[in-house]
Protein backbone atom coordinates (compact mmCIF):
# COMPACT_ATOMS: atom_id res chain seq x y z
CA UNK A 1 107.48 43.32 97.31
CA UNK A 2 109.87 46.12 96.48
CA UNK A 3 108.64 49.04 94.83
CA UNK A 4 110.53 51.83 92.15
CA UNK A 5 109.09 55.08 91.04
CA UNK A 6 111.14 54.53 88.08
CA UNK A 7 109.11 51.14 87.05
CA UNK A 8 105.89 51.47 88.53
CA UNK A 9 104.82 47.97 86.62
CA UNK A 10 107.87 46.06 87.77
CA UNK A 11 108.04 44.38 91.22
CA UNK A 12 111.21 43.58 92.40
CA UNK A 13 112.55 41.48 95.10
CA UNK A 14 114.23 43.30 98.17
CA UNK A 15 117.58 42.15 97.06
CA UNK A 16 117.17 44.01 93.59
CA UNK A 17 116.55 47.35 94.64
CA UNK A 18 118.93 49.74 96.00
CA UNK A 19 118.88 50.29 100.48
CA UNK A 20 116.66 52.93 101.67
CA UNK A 21 115.47 54.31 97.75
CA UNK A 22 112.24 55.26 97.77
CA UNK A 23 110.03 53.86 99.98
CA UNK A 24 112.46 50.75 100.37
CA UNK A 25 113.84 49.29 103.28
CA UNK A 26 117.59 50.94 104.46
CA UNK A 27 120.19 48.47 105.21
CA UNK A 28 119.82 46.74 108.34
CA UNK A 29 123.08 44.92 109.25
CA UNK A 30 122.45 41.77 106.55
CA UNK A 31 123.60 41.95 103.19
CA UNK A 32 120.94 41.57 100.61
CA UNK A 33 120.68 37.63 99.84
CA UNK A 34 119.50 36.29 96.36
CA UNK A 35 118.79 32.78 95.89
CA UNK A 36 121.16 29.70 94.58
CA UNK A 37 123.71 31.64 96.91
CA UNK A 38 126.09 28.60 96.04
CA UNK A 39 127.10 25.73 97.85
CA UNK A 40 126.25 24.31 100.58
CA UNK A 41 129.01 23.58 102.83
CA UNK A 42 129.08 21.68 105.95
CA UNK A 43 132.31 21.06 109.22
CA UNK A 44 133.32 18.23 107.33
CA UNK A 45 133.09 19.98 103.48
CA UNK A 46 136.89 19.83 102.42
CA UNK A 47 137.77 23.70 101.52
CA UNK A 48 140.79 25.07 100.04
CA UNK A 49 142.17 28.76 99.23
CA UNK A 50 144.55 31.08 97.60
CA UNK A 51 144.16 34.42 96.55
CA UNK A 52 145.76 37.97 97.81
CA UNK A 53 146.11 39.39 101.45
CA UNK A 54 142.06 39.00 102.13
CA UNK A 55 142.64 35.40 101.66
CA UNK A 56 144.49 34.79 104.49
CA UNK A 57 141.20 36.36 106.40
CA UNK A 58 138.90 33.73 105.08
CA UNK A 59 141.70 31.06 105.56
CA UNK A 60 141.51 32.17 109.81
CA UNK A 61 137.66 32.16 109.90
CA UNK A 62 137.63 29.02 108.68
CA UNK A 63 140.00 27.43 110.71
CA UNK A 64 138.48 29.65 113.49
CA UNK A 65 135.27 27.89 113.24
CA UNK A 66 136.45 24.68 113.09
CA UNK A 67 135.50 24.64 109.05
CA UNK A 68 137.25 21.45 107.39
CA UNK A 69 139.99 23.56 106.17
CA UNK A 70 142.63 22.19 104.07
CA UNK A 71 146.28 22.56 105.27
CA UNK A 72 149.26 21.24 103.82
CA UNK A 73 152.62 22.50 104.37
CA UNK A 74 151.94 23.65 108.01
CA UNK A 75 155.57 23.75 108.31
CA UNK A 76 155.90 26.25 105.78
CA UNK A 77 156.23 30.27 106.37
CA UNK A 78 154.38 30.64 102.71
CA UNK A 79 151.43 28.74 103.58
CA UNK A 80 150.04 31.03 105.77
CA UNK A 81 148.41 32.75 103.55
CA UNK A 82 146.77 29.65 102.11
CA UNK A 83 146.18 26.02 102.08
CA UNK A 84 149.61 24.97 100.85
CA UNK A 85 152.41 26.95 100.52
CA UNK A 86 151.45 29.65 97.41
CA UNK A 87 151.84 32.39 99.31
CA UNK A 88 150.04 35.52 98.56
CA UNK A 89 148.85 35.56 95.04
CA UNK A 90 147.58 38.71 93.56
CA UNK A 91 147.56 38.24 90.08
CA UNK A 92 144.94 35.84 88.24
CA UNK A 93 148.25 35.20 86.12
CA UNK A 94 150.45 33.70 89.10
CA UNK A 95 146.97 32.16 89.95
CA UNK A 96 147.27 30.56 86.42
CA UNK A 97 150.49 28.94 86.66
CA UNK A 98 150.25 27.13 90.28
CA UNK A 99 147.90 25.67 88.26
CA UNK A 100 149.68 24.68 85.63
CA UNK A 101 153.13 23.96 87.53
CA UNK A 102 150.54 21.97 89.94
CA UNK A 103 149.30 19.38 87.24
CA UNK A 104 151.76 19.87 83.98
CA UNK A 105 154.98 20.27 82.85
CA UNK A 106 155.93 24.16 83.83
CA UNK A 107 159.53 25.28 82.56
CA UNK A 108 160.11 29.36 82.49
CA UNK A 109 163.37 30.06 81.00
CA UNK A 110 164.26 32.02 84.35
CA UNK A 111 163.26 29.35 87.19
CA UNK A 112 165.53 31.14 90.09
CA UNK A 113 167.04 34.26 90.92
CA UNK A 114 170.07 34.13 92.55
CA UNK A 115 170.57 37.90 94.62
CA UNK A 116 174.35 38.91 93.39
CA UNK A 117 175.87 39.90 96.73
CA UNK A 118 174.60 37.33 99.48
CA UNK A 119 173.91 34.22 96.88
CA UNK A 120 170.30 34.00 98.10
CA UNK A 121 168.26 31.70 95.90
CA UNK A 122 165.15 32.81 94.97
CA UNK A 123 161.63 32.08 94.26
CA UNK A 124 160.62 34.76 91.14
CA UNK A 125 157.18 33.45 91.09
CA UNK A 126 155.82 33.20 94.73
CA UNK A 127 156.16 35.59 96.94
CA UNK A 128 160.00 36.35 98.03
CA UNK A 129 160.37 32.45 99.23
CA UNK A 130 164.56 32.21 99.41
CA UNK A 131 167.14 29.24 99.93
CA UNK A 132 170.63 29.18 100.91
CA UNK A 133 171.75 27.32 97.82
CA UNK A 134 169.73 25.48 94.65
CA UNK A 135 169.31 22.53 95.10
CA UNK A 136 167.58 23.50 98.38
CA UNK A 137 165.57 25.89 96.68
CA UNK A 138 164.35 22.54 94.17
CA UNK A 139 163.87 19.79 96.68
CA UNK A 140 162.07 22.35 98.46
CA UNK A 141 159.91 23.25 95.20
CA UNK A 142 159.53 19.79 94.02
CA UNK A 143 157.61 18.68 97.49
CA UNK A 144 155.58 21.80 97.43
CA UNK A 145 154.58 20.36 94.15
CA UNK A 146 153.12 17.54 95.83
CA UNK A 147 151.50 18.78 98.83
CA UNK A 148 149.64 21.72 96.49
CA UNK A 149 148.26 18.91 93.83
CA UNK A 150 147.39 17.09 96.73
CA UNK A 151 145.50 20.27 98.47
CA UNK A 152 144.00 21.15 95.15
CA UNK A 153 142.50 17.56 94.14
CA UNK A 154 141.01 16.89 97.64
CA UNK A 155 139.89 20.36 97.24
CA UNK A 156 135.87 19.77 97.38
CA UNK A 157 135.22 23.76 97.72
CA UNK A 158 137.98 26.04 95.97
CA UNK A 159 137.90 29.82 97.31
CA UNK A 160 139.86 31.72 94.75
CA UNK A 161 140.34 35.55 95.96
CA UNK A 162 141.53 37.99 93.17
CA UNK A 163 143.77 41.04 94.20
CA UNK A 164 145.21 43.20 91.31
CA UNK A 165 145.76 43.51 88.04
CA UNK A 166 149.36 44.72 87.34
CA UNK A 167 151.39 42.49 86.65
CA UNK A 168 155.57 41.69 85.43
CA UNK A 169 156.20 39.68 82.51
CA UNK A 170 159.43 37.97 81.01
CA UNK A 171 159.24 39.78 77.40
CA UNK A 172 160.75 36.06 76.44
CA UNK A 173 158.41 33.27 77.91
CA UNK A 174 155.70 35.40 79.07
CA UNK A 175 155.40 33.78 82.89
CA UNK A 176 155.00 36.73 85.58
CA UNK A 177 156.50 37.30 88.29
CA UNK A 178 155.09 37.79 91.32
CA UNK A 179 156.81 41.28 92.66
CA UNK A 180 159.98 42.97 91.48
CA UNK A 181 161.14 42.20 95.21
CA UNK A 182 163.53 40.43 97.22
CA UNK A 183 166.86 40.19 97.85
CA UNK A 184 167.42 39.68 93.82
CA UNK A 185 165.92 42.77 93.04
CA UNK A 186 167.09 45.24 96.21
CA UNK A 187 170.78 43.96 95.39
CA UNK A 188 170.85 45.10 91.59
CA UNK A 189 169.92 42.12 89.39
CA UNK A 190 169.07 41.97 86.36
CA UNK A 191 165.37 43.21 85.41
CA UNK A 192 165.62 43.66 81.80
CA UNK A 193 163.87 41.16 80.63
CA UNK A 194 160.94 42.16 82.48
CA UNK A 195 157.94 44.22 81.10
CA UNK A 196 155.48 46.09 83.86
CA UNK A 197 152.39 46.60 82.30
CA UNK A 198 148.68 46.45 83.43
CA UNK A 199 145.94 43.56 82.45
CA UNK A 200 143.40 43.45 81.06
CA UNK A 201 139.24 42.23 81.18
CA UNK A 202 139.82 39.54 78.39
CA UNK A 203 143.26 38.16 79.65
CA UNK A 204 141.87 37.90 83.38
CA UNK A 205 139.14 36.17 82.18
CA UNK A 206 141.40 34.00 79.62
CA UNK A 207 143.16 33.38 83.19
CA UNK A 208 140.51 32.21 85.00
CA UNK A 209 139.49 29.92 81.65
CA UNK A 210 142.31 27.99 81.96
CA UNK A 211 142.19 27.49 85.90
CA UNK A 212 138.62 25.87 85.44
CA UNK A 213 139.86 23.44 82.64
CA UNK A 214 142.91 22.37 84.55
CA UNK A 215 140.84 21.39 87.40
CA UNK A 216 137.77 20.14 85.45
CA UNK A 217 140.16 17.86 84.41
CA UNK A 218 141.22 16.72 87.40
CA UNK A 219 139.04 17.65 89.87
CA UNK A 220 135.58 17.98 88.15
CA UNK A 221 133.47 18.07 91.22
CA UNK A 222 135.06 21.13 92.80
CA UNK A 223 133.28 23.94 93.13
CA UNK A 224 134.46 27.36 93.45
CA UNK A 225 133.81 30.11 94.85
CA UNK A 226 135.05 33.78 93.23
CA UNK A 227 135.61 37.08 95.31
CA UNK A 228 137.35 40.35 94.93
CA UNK A 229 139.83 41.71 97.78
CA UNK A 230 138.03 44.68 99.31
CA UNK A 231 142.11 45.31 100.66
CA UNK A 232 143.14 47.81 97.95
CA UNK A 233 146.65 48.84 96.48
CA UNK A 234 148.70 50.35 98.80
CA UNK A 235 151.09 51.63 95.88
CA UNK A 236 150.61 51.58 91.94
CA UNK A 237 153.44 50.85 89.63
CA UNK A 238 151.48 52.80 86.92
CA UNK A 239 153.19 56.45 85.55
CA UNK A 240 149.37 57.33 84.24
CA UNK A 241 147.15 56.79 86.93
CA UNK A 242 146.79 58.29 90.55
CA UNK A 243 147.23 54.98 93.10
CA UNK A 244 143.52 55.19 94.13
CA UNK A 245 142.50 54.93 90.02
CA UNK A 246 144.46 52.08 89.66
CA UNK A 247 143.75 50.05 92.93
CA UNK A 248 139.69 51.26 91.29
CA UNK A 249 140.57 49.90 88.10
CA UNK A 250 142.26 46.53 89.17
CA UNK A 251 138.88 45.99 91.03
CA UNK A 252 136.78 46.73 88.54
CA UNK A 253 138.05 45.28 86.25
CA UNK A 254 138.62 41.58 88.34
CA UNK A 255 135.07 42.28 89.25
CA UNK A 256 133.80 42.24 85.67
CA UNK A 257 135.91 38.84 84.63
CA UNK A 258 134.32 37.56 87.82
CA UNK A 259 130.77 38.25 86.94
CA UNK A 260 131.55 36.33 83.13
CA UNK A 261 133.14 33.84 85.02
CA UNK A 262 130.69 32.80 87.35
CA UNK A 263 127.67 33.17 84.16
CA UNK A 264 130.01 30.65 82.19
CA UNK A 265 130.10 27.81 84.72
CA UNK A 266 127.42 26.09 86.75
CA UNK A 267 129.73 25.40 89.61
CA UNK A 268 131.51 28.35 89.74
CA UNK A 269 129.93 31.11 92.80
CA UNK A 270 130.35 34.44 93.45
CA UNK A 271 130.99 36.05 96.80
CA UNK A 272 130.47 39.82 96.86
CA UNK A 273 132.88 40.36 99.68
CA UNK A 274 134.45 43.25 97.60
CA UNK A 275 130.81 44.73 97.74
CA UNK A 276 130.18 44.00 101.25
CA UNK A 277 133.08 46.14 102.38
CA UNK A 278 133.38 49.41 99.94
CA UNK A 279 130.13 49.68 99.85
CA UNK A 280 127.47 48.22 101.55
CA UNK A 281 129.64 49.39 104.95
CA UNK A 282 129.53 52.89 104.17
CA UNK A 283 125.78 52.96 103.31
CA UNK A 284 125.35 51.54 106.92
CA UNK A 285 127.59 54.37 108.00
CA UNK A 286 130.79 52.36 109.21
CA UNK A 287 134.13 52.77 107.80
CA UNK A 288 136.19 49.92 106.30
CA UNK A 289 139.18 50.94 106.13
CA UNK A 290 141.80 49.63 108.99
CA UNK A 291 143.67 52.83 110.45
CA UNK A 292 147.37 53.22 110.79
CA UNK A 293 150.12 52.68 108.37
CA UNK A 294 148.13 49.95 106.61
CA UNK A 295 145.00 51.74 106.10
CA UNK A 296 144.63 49.86 102.74
CA UNK A 297 143.71 47.50 103.97
CA UNK A 298 140.00 46.05 105.75
CA UNK A 299 139.54 46.43 109.61
CA UNK A 300 139.08 43.95 111.41
CA UNK A 301 135.19 44.36 111.62
CA UNK A 302 134.76 44.07 108.51
CA UNK A 303 135.93 41.25 107.83
CA UNK A 304 134.08 39.73 110.69
CA UNK A 305 130.67 41.35 109.39
CA UNK A 306 132.34 39.37 105.75
CA UNK A 307 132.54 35.83 107.42
CA UNK A 308 129.46 36.25 109.40
CA UNK A 309 127.94 36.42 105.84
CA UNK A 310 129.65 33.88 104.30
CA UNK A 311 128.82 31.25 107.13
CA UNK A 312 125.13 32.40 106.86
CA UNK A 313 124.60 32.02 103.02
CA UNK A 314 126.81 28.38 102.38
CA UNK A 315 127.05 26.90 105.96
CA UNK A 316 123.37 26.80 106.77
CA UNK A 317 123.17 23.76 108.28
CA UNK A 318 126.01 24.45 110.74
CA UNK A 319 125.98 25.97 114.19
CA UNK A 320 128.13 28.69 114.49
CA UNK A 321 128.42 32.21 116.92
CA UNK A 322 128.85 35.11 114.71
CA UNK A 323 131.82 36.80 115.29
CA UNK A 324 131.11 39.91 117.24
CA UNK A 325 131.43 43.45 114.67
CA UNK A 326 131.83 45.78 117.12
CA UNK A 327 134.75 44.30 118.75
CA UNK A 328 137.64 45.88 117.38
């Protein structure tokens, strides 16, 4: 049992005290693990995932180690990050919309953007997905909905990676676009109907609850692992906060929402990828930032460290060769 001079009458488990504090063991390369970490996964378990940039790393490592990762629309470039062509999903609002358009009637007032100069059709709700014609866009989205439904109804485990809290919302119907980017925006498309704002704790929790309610109806046996991406904001649209403060606020808000989300549902579990990268790695004397132009990303050594713990915690019965965390 661990000890604390502040609370001498209490006896704590090793994972309940800060590593290296007082007489407690320092970091040793193994993130503190606690009981009831989450679902048991085997290579036969059907796993789906979606989310921000870090979701792509989770997908890549699951496939590398031969797990049964659900991969729909493999022909589609927008599927490289997730189990279907959802592209990168940064906010819980955009994530909620995926579940709504997959299983329910979803009809935003503005469904497509047409770039003023090139005439290309752009999907505002998925990150920079482009088409030559409106008919092509509608046909592809109809197929995408089928693939999306198949992925989410097949999933025995669903991994959701939460990214940020900055959103651009339609002033009319409240729908949330992915990003103010791509040909439509670059060519001067009308953006006055969209309002930038920072989503707060209550609505992020409400979005997660909405996702859970939809999944409970259409795939009640599915277990959900939620995590917060350790990838920082590259830039902020806020004018009242610097990018570092804005990034910290995004992660703190999402972490708090995830904590309450897990507490409310016995089939939802939290995986501390964010804490492994941003706290445990520095405690170990290691840098977790990528080098070069994309230094807001997480480096490969940290990704490997995180995924080694994922497999150790959730797939203890499956033999696998740990990733070499010292290999660049």
